[in-house]
Amino acid sequence: MSFPMSRPRRMRASEFSRRLMREYRLDVSDLILPVFVHELQQVTPVASMPGVERLSIDALVRKAEQAALAGIPAMVLFPVTAPEAKSLDAAAAYDENGLAQRAIRAIKSRFPDMGVITDVALDPYTSHGQDGLVDESGYVVNDDTVEVLVAQALSHAHAGADVVAPSDMMDGRIGAIREALEEQNFVNTRILAYSAKYASAYYGPFRDAVGSASALGGGNKYSYQMDPANADEALREVALDIEEGADMIMVKPGMPYLDVLRRVKDRFEMPTFVYQVSGEYAMIKAAAQNGWLEEQACVMESLLAFKRAGADGILTYYALDAARYLKG
């Protein structure tokens, strides 16, 4: 039907009809709150992420209470390991009394219904800042790293984590972790696989927050994180992780990879998550603080874009703000 019989603007003329034809809706149940926890008995700001803080375990529990009251279903924990706990073998990653393990227990003891997701990767624990163990040439070795990741994931499950989320991009780690969880009867511990994690320039503020930036120095993660030019490769990575036992899959970063997110969701029809990473957060926050953008509108538009592209869940440092905006 052609103009004037067809007038698409007719349905956009009033608020009620715009609401009735709205295709996607954002809900607080879509939000996951990433948090940083450290050993210090104080809260310290992350300079490159205004409004985001490194929390003591006590402050983390208070943050969990805020999230629970806001209706946010889950949090994901990122430990800021003390320099003296870092090593070449990343042994602190699977310490039963380590920072991440104590943080899990603290949240679950107070808020048992809060979903606790844990990062399974070695970069907070290695003295060189890489996500795995390295050989004499500095190359990140795969199979030895997977053994440590399995130990780390099991320690998180023992501490009470609901979901372990391997973000390291080592080959075969999902299958190895799934097999170990089954063997130790953690049959309901879910795996959220960072299946399409790109070697992105948007991670800078995160590395600053967890303290791996200085350890990494001039190094990079190109040998295991994905080339930003590749999309077909992401589908192969996702397929492998699903076959190995992943319950959920992740695309990271978010906004620059909406095309990948859409293709992954269309192809696999699996629970699909996306991470609005630190650099994305920092850009919106900085522009808003300079008066260049209206923060709330930009935040909600970006989160809605993830839903439109196929995300079932969104990891975002704006989770508490977004929950408040949705209720507003």
Protein backbone atom coordinates (compact mmCIF):
# COMPACT_ATOMS: atom_id res chain seq x y z
CA MET A 1 0.00 0.00 0.00
CA SER A 2 1.43 3.37 -0.98
CA PHE A 3 1.15 6.94 0.29
CA PRO A 4 -1.29 8.52 1.16
CA MET A 5 -3.21 5.37 2.06
CA SER A 6 -0.19 4.18 4.04
CA ARG A 7 1.06 6.71 6.57
CA PRO A 8 3.52 5.10 9.05
CA ARG A 9 3.60 8.33 11.03
CA ARG A 10 -0.05 7.82 11.90
CA MET A 11 0.92 5.27 14.54
CA ARG A 12 3.66 7.54 15.87
CA ALA A 13 1.34 10.50 16.37
CA SER A 14 0.27 9.70 19.97
CA GLU A 15 1.91 8.23 23.03
CA PHE A 16 -0.72 5.50 23.46
CA SER A 17 -0.23 4.12 19.95
CA ARG A 18 3.56 4.37 20.18
CA ARG A 19 3.34 2.24 23.33
CA LEU A 20 0.99 -0.28 21.72
CA MET A 21 3.30 -0.89 18.75
CA ARG A 22 6.55 -0.94 20.74
CA GLU A 23 8.43 -4.09 19.73
CA TYR A 24 10.99 -4.42 22.55
CA ARG A 25 10.82 -3.52 26.22
CA LEU A 26 13.59 -3.29 28.78
CA ASP A 27 12.91 -4.70 32.24
CA VAL A 28 14.91 -4.76 35.47
CA SER A 29 15.05 -8.55 35.09
CA ASP A 30 17.32 -8.01 32.08
CA LEU A 31 20.05 -6.37 34.18
CA ILE A 32 23.18 -7.84 35.78
CA LEU A 33 25.37 -5.65 37.99
CA PRO A 34 29.17 -6.03 37.70
CA VAL A 35 31.03 -5.16 40.93
CA PHE A 36 34.67 -4.86 41.93
CA VAL A 37 35.74 -6.16 45.35
CA HIS A 38 39.11 -5.67 47.04
CA GLU A 39 40.85 -6.59 50.29
CA LEU A 40 40.88 -3.07 51.72
CA GLN A 41 38.38 -2.15 54.42
CA GLN A 42 37.29 0.92 52.51
CA VAL A 43 35.64 1.98 49.29
CA THR A 44 37.89 3.50 46.63
CA PRO A 45 36.78 5.14 43.37
CA VAL A 46 37.84 3.91 39.95
CA ALA A 47 39.22 7.08 38.38
CA SER A 48 38.50 6.04 34.80
CA MET A 49 34.93 4.97 35.65
CA PRO A 50 33.27 7.83 37.55
CA GLY A 51 30.60 6.49 39.89
CA VAL A 52 32.12 2.99 40.04
CA GLU A 53 34.03 1.90 43.14
CA ARG A 54 36.20 -0.92 44.43
CA LEU A 55 34.30 -2.31 47.41
CA SER A 56 35.29 -3.98 50.64
CA ILE A 57 33.39 -7.19 51.31
CA ASP A 58 31.15 -5.34 53.81
CA ALA A 59 30.40 -2.67 51.22
CA LEU A 60 29.81 -5.41 48.63
CA VAL A 61 27.10 -6.91 50.82
CA ARG A 62 25.46 -3.48 51.10
CA LYS A 63 25.63 -3.17 47.31
CA ALA A 64 23.97 -6.58 47.03
CA GLU A 65 21.17 -5.30 49.24
CA GLN A 66 20.68 -2.31 46.94
CA ALA A 67 20.56 -4.63 43.93
CA ALA A 68 18.07 -6.94 45.63
CA LEU A 69 15.80 -4.07 46.59
CA ALA A 70 15.97 -2.76 43.02
CA GLY A 71 14.88 -6.16 41.68
CA ILE A 72 18.16 -6.89 39.87
CA PRO A 73 18.41 -10.69 39.61
CA ALA A 74 22.18 -11.18 39.58
CA MET A 75 25.61 -9.68 40.23
CA VAL A 76 28.96 -10.61 38.70
CA LEU A 77 32.06 -10.39 40.89
CA PHE A 78 35.48 -9.14 39.80
CA PRO A 79 38.22 -9.35 42.44
CA VAL A 80 40.98 -6.78 42.73
CA THR A 81 43.82 -9.00 43.88
CA ALA A 82 46.49 -7.57 46.15
CA PRO A 83 49.90 -7.34 44.42
CA GLU A 84 51.48 -9.79 46.87
CA ALA A 85 48.86 -12.44 45.95
CA LYS A 86 49.77 -12.37 42.25
CA SER A 87 52.12 -14.98 40.85
CA LEU A 88 53.21 -16.72 37.68
CA ASP A 89 51.06 -19.77 38.50
CA ALA A 90 47.96 -17.78 39.60
CA ALA A 91 47.56 -20.01 42.67
CA ALA A 92 45.41 -17.39 44.43
CA ALA A 93 42.70 -17.96 41.82
CA TYR A 94 41.61 -21.22 43.46
CA ASP A 95 42.39 -20.43 47.11
CA GLU A 96 39.33 -21.56 49.10
CA ASN A 97 39.81 -18.53 51.35
CA GLY A 98 40.61 -16.17 48.50
CA LEU A 99 38.97 -12.82 47.97
CA ALA A 100 36.44 -14.00 45.38
CA GLN A 101 35.53 -17.06 47.42
CA ARG A 102 34.94 -15.01 50.58
CA ALA A 103 32.91 -12.47 48.62
CA ILE A 104 30.66 -15.21 47.23
CA ARG A 105 29.99 -16.61 50.69
CA ALA A 106 29.29 -13.16 52.11
CA ILE A 107 26.63 -12.38 49.51
CA LYS A 108 24.98 -15.81 49.56
CA SER A 109 24.81 -15.86 53.36
CA ARG A 110 22.87 -12.58 53.42
CA PHE A 111 21.01 -12.75 50.13
CA PRO A 112 20.64 -16.41 49.11
CA ASP A 113 18.26 -15.55 46.27
CA MET A 114 20.66 -13.11 44.62
CA GLY A 115 22.29 -14.75 41.62
CA VAL A 116 26.06 -14.70 42.01
CA ILE A 117 28.10 -14.95 38.83
CA THR A 118 31.87 -15.24 39.06
CA ASP A 119 34.58 -14.38 36.59
CA VAL A 120 36.75 -17.38 35.75
CA ALA A 121 40.01 -16.03 34.35
CA LEU A 122 43.53 -15.63 35.63
CA ASP A 123 44.41 -12.04 34.75
CA PRO A 124 43.61 -10.67 38.25
CA TYR A 125 45.99 -13.28 39.71
CA THR A 126 48.95 -13.38 37.32
CA SER A 127 51.96 -11.17 37.83
CA HIS A 128 52.08 -10.54 34.05
CA GLY A 129 48.39 -9.61 33.62
CA GLN A 130 47.58 -12.28 31.05
CA ASP A 131 44.46 -14.48 31.32
CA GLY A 132 46.54 -17.65 31.47
CA LEU A 133 49.90 -19.18 32.27
CA VAL A 134 52.80 -18.27 30.01
CA ASP A 135 55.78 -20.21 28.71
CA GLU A 136 59.39 -19.01 28.46
CA SER A 137 58.62 -16.99 25.33
CA GLY A 138 55.67 -15.22 26.94
CA TYR A 139 53.07 -17.18 24.95
CA VAL A 140 49.86 -17.96 26.86
CA VAL A 141 49.66 -21.74 26.98
CA ASN A 142 46.25 -23.31 26.60
CA ASP A 143 46.02 -26.71 28.27
CA ASP A 144 47.93 -25.88 31.44
CA THR A 145 45.79 -22.78 31.82
CA VAL A 146 42.61 -24.85 31.50
CA GLU A 147 43.70 -26.99 34.46
CA VAL A 148 43.96 -23.89 36.64
CA LEU A 149 40.63 -22.54 35.35
CA VAL A 150 38.95 -25.80 36.33
CA ALA A 151 40.36 -25.50 39.86
CA GLN A 152 39.21 -21.88 40.02
CA ALA A 153 35.68 -22.70 38.84
CA LEU A 154 35.39 -25.55 41.35
CA SER A 155 36.49 -23.27 44.18
CA HIS A 156 33.77 -20.81 43.20
CA ALA A 157 31.17 -23.57 43.10
CA HIS A 158 32.24 -24.81 46.54
CA ALA A 159 31.86 -21.23 47.84
CA GLY A 160 28.29 -21.08 46.55
CA ALA A 161 28.46 -19.41 43.14
CA ASP A 162 25.36 -19.95 41.05
CA VAL A 163 27.10 -19.29 37.73
CA VAL A 164 30.74 -19.55 36.73
CA ALA A 165 31.65 -17.39 33.76
CA PRO A 166 34.89 -18.30 31.97
CA SER A 167 36.11 -15.14 30.24
CA ASP A 168 39.58 -16.32 29.31
CA MET A 169 38.96 -17.59 25.72
CA MET A 170 41.10 -20.72 26.15
CA ASP A 171 40.13 -23.64 23.89
CA GLY A 172 38.29 -26.50 25.57
CA ARG A 173 37.79 -24.87 28.95
CA ILE A 174 33.98 -25.10 28.91
CA GLY A 175 34.02 -28.86 28.46
CA ALA A 176 36.69 -29.32 31.11
CA ILE A 177 34.82 -27.18 33.63
CA ARG A 178 31.49 -28.86 32.89
CA GLU A 179 33.01 -32.31 33.35
CA ALA A 180 34.62 -31.31 36.66
CA LEU A 181 31.39 -29.77 37.96
CA GLU A 182 29.47 -32.92 37.10
CA GLU A 183 32.07 -35.15 38.75
CA GLN A 184 31.79 -33.16 41.99
CA ASN A 185 27.97 -33.10 41.86
CA PHE A 186 27.64 -29.39 41.08
CA VAL A 187 25.07 -30.35 38.46
CA ASN A 188 23.10 -27.11 38.80
CA THR A 189 26.07 -24.77 38.68
CA ARG A 190 25.54 -22.94 35.43
CA ILE A 191 28.21 -21.90 32.95
CA LEU A 192 28.03 -18.52 31.26
CA ALA A 193 30.64 -18.74 28.52
CA TYR A 194 32.31 -15.63 27.21
CA SER A 195 32.18 -17.25 23.79
CA ALA A 196 32.70 -14.21 21.58
CA LYS A 197 35.12 -12.03 23.52
CA TYR A 198 37.01 -9.64 21.32
CA ALA A 199 40.50 -8.17 21.76
CA SER A 200 38.95 -4.77 22.25
CA ALA A 201 40.33 -1.34 23.04
CA TYR A 202 37.23 -0.74 25.19
CA TYR A 203 38.56 -2.72 28.17
CA GLY A 204 41.01 -0.08 29.39
CA PRO A 205 39.08 1.23 32.41
CA PHE A 206 38.30 -2.33 33.56
CA ARG A 207 41.97 -3.26 33.58
CA ASP A 208 42.60 -0.11 35.56
CA ALA A 209 39.88 -1.13 38.04
CA VAL A 210 41.20 -4.65 38.69
CA GLY A 211 44.85 -3.64 38.58
CA SER A 212 45.93 -5.75 35.61
CA ALA A 213 46.80 -2.82 33.34
CA SER A 214 50.16 -2.13 34.94
CA ALA A 215 51.05 -5.84 35.02
CA LEU A 216 50.15 -6.25 31.35
CA GLY A 217 52.25 -3.23 30.45
CA GLY A 218 52.73 -3.08 26.69
CA GLY A 219 51.46 -6.63 26.22
CA ASN A 220 48.29 -7.64 24.44
CA LYS A 221 45.80 -10.51 24.32
CA TYR A 222 45.59 -11.01 20.57
CA SER A 223 46.62 -14.68 20.71
CA TYR A 224 43.44 -15.71 22.52
CA GLN A 225 40.82 -12.96 22.34
CA MET A 226 39.07 -12.57 19.00
CA ASP A 227 40.05 -10.25 16.15
CA PRO A 228 37.50 -7.39 15.98
CA ALA A 229 37.33 -7.90 12.19
CA ASN A 230 35.80 -11.38 12.53
CA ALA A 231 32.14 -12.33 12.85
CA ASP A 232 31.90 -15.83 11.34
CA GLU A 233 34.57 -16.94 13.80
CA ALA A 234 32.29 -15.89 16.66
CA LEU A 235 29.64 -18.34 15.48
CA ARG A 236 32.19 -21.15 15.49
CA GLU A 237 33.33 -20.25 18.99
CA VAL A 238 29.75 -20.13 20.28
CA ALA A 239 28.91 -23.49 18.67
CA LEU A 240 31.92 -25.11 20.35
CA ASP A 241 31.01 -23.75 23.80
CA ILE A 242 27.41 -24.90 23.50
CA GLU A 243 28.56 -28.36 22.44
CA GLU A 244 30.89 -28.49 25.45
CA GLY A 245 28.10 -27.70 27.92
CA ALA A 246 27.61 -23.93 28.20
CA ASP A 247 24.19 -22.93 29.55
CA MET A 248 24.47 -19.32 28.44
CA ILE A 249 26.73 -17.49 26.04
CA MET A 250 28.20 -13.99 26.00
CA VAL A 251 29.18 -11.40 23.42
CA LYS A 252 31.69 -8.81 24.65
CA PRO A 253 31.94 -5.84 24.17
CA GLY A 254 28.39 -4.74 23.51
CA MET A 255 27.61 -1.74 21.35
CA PRO A 256 30.39 -2.20 18.74
CA TYR A 257 29.29 -5.84 18.27
CA LEU A 258 25.50 -5.64 17.94
CA ASP A 259 25.74 -7.40 14.57
CA VAL A 260 27.50 -10.35 16.22
CA LEU A 261 24.94 -10.43 19.02
CA ARG A 262 22.08 -10.57 16.53
CA ARG A 263 23.69 -13.34 14.49
CA VAL A 264 24.45 -15.41 17.58
CA LYS A 265 20.90 -15.14 18.89
CA ASP A 266 19.34 -15.94 15.52
CA ARG A 267 21.61 -18.92 14.91
CA PHE A 268 21.57 -20.66 18.29
CA GLU A 269 18.43 -19.45 20.13
CA MET A 270 20.31 -19.88 23.42
CA PRO A 271 20.20 -17.63 26.49
CA THR A 272 22.44 -14.88 25.16
CA PHE A 273 24.10 -12.17 27.21
CA VAL A 274 26.01 -9.03 26.35
CA TYR A 275 28.47 -6.93 28.33
CA GLN A 276 28.32 -3.14 28.15
CA VAL A 277 31.98 -2.89 29.02
CA SER A 278 33.94 -0.33 30.99
CA GLY A 279 34.92 1.76 27.98
CA GLU A 280 31.31 2.01 26.84
CA TYR A 281 30.29 3.11 30.32
CA ALA A 282 33.13 5.60 30.59
CA MET A 283 32.30 7.24 27.25
CA ILE A 284 28.66 7.85 28.19
CA LYS A 285 29.58 9.01 31.69
CA ALA A 286 32.28 11.41 30.50
CA ALA A 287 30.11 12.91 27.79
CA ALA A 288 27.26 13.37 30.26
CA GLN A 289 29.52 15.01 32.82
CA ASN A 290 30.65 17.45 30.15
CA GLY A 291 27.07 18.24 29.22
CA TRP A 292 27.43 16.78 25.73
CA LEU A 293 24.82 14.03 26.17
CA GLU A 294 21.75 13.50 28.31
CA GLU A 295 22.84 10.57 30.45
CA GLN A 296 19.58 8.83 31.26
CA ALA A 297 18.32 8.94 27.67
CA CYS A 298 21.60 7.61 26.28
CA VAL A 299 21.84 4.84 28.87
CA MET A 300 18.34 3.60 28.23
CA GLU A 301 18.73 3.83 24.46
CA SER A 302 21.94 1.80 24.59
CA LEU A 303 20.38 -0.89 26.81
CA LEU A 304 17.32 -1.10 24.59
CA ALA A 305 19.63 -1.58 21.60
CA PHE A 306 21.04 -4.70 23.26
CA LYS A 307 17.53 -6.07 23.74
CA ARG A 308 16.66 -5.30 20.13
CA ALA A 309 19.79 -7.09 18.94
CA GLY A 310 18.84 -10.24 20.85
CA ALA A 311 20.24 -9.98 24.39
CA ASP A 312 18.42 -11.85 27.14
CA GLY A 313 20.61 -10.32 29.83
CA ILE A 314 22.84 -7.25 29.98
CA LEU A 315 25.89 -6.79 32.18
CA THR A 316 26.10 -3.07 32.78
CA TYR A 317 27.65 -0.77 35.37
CA TYR A 318 24.49 1.28 34.92
CA ALA A 319 22.29 -1.52 36.30
CA LEU A 320 21.24 0.29 39.49
CA ASP A 321 20.67 3.54 37.62
CA ALA A 322 18.69 1.76 34.91
CA ALA A 323 16.54 0.01 37.53
CA ARG A 324 15.76 3.42 39.02
CA TYR A 325 14.99 4.91 35.61
CA LEU A 326 12.61 2.05 34.83
CA LYS A 327 10.69 2.62 38.02
CA GLY A 328 10.71 6.38 37.52
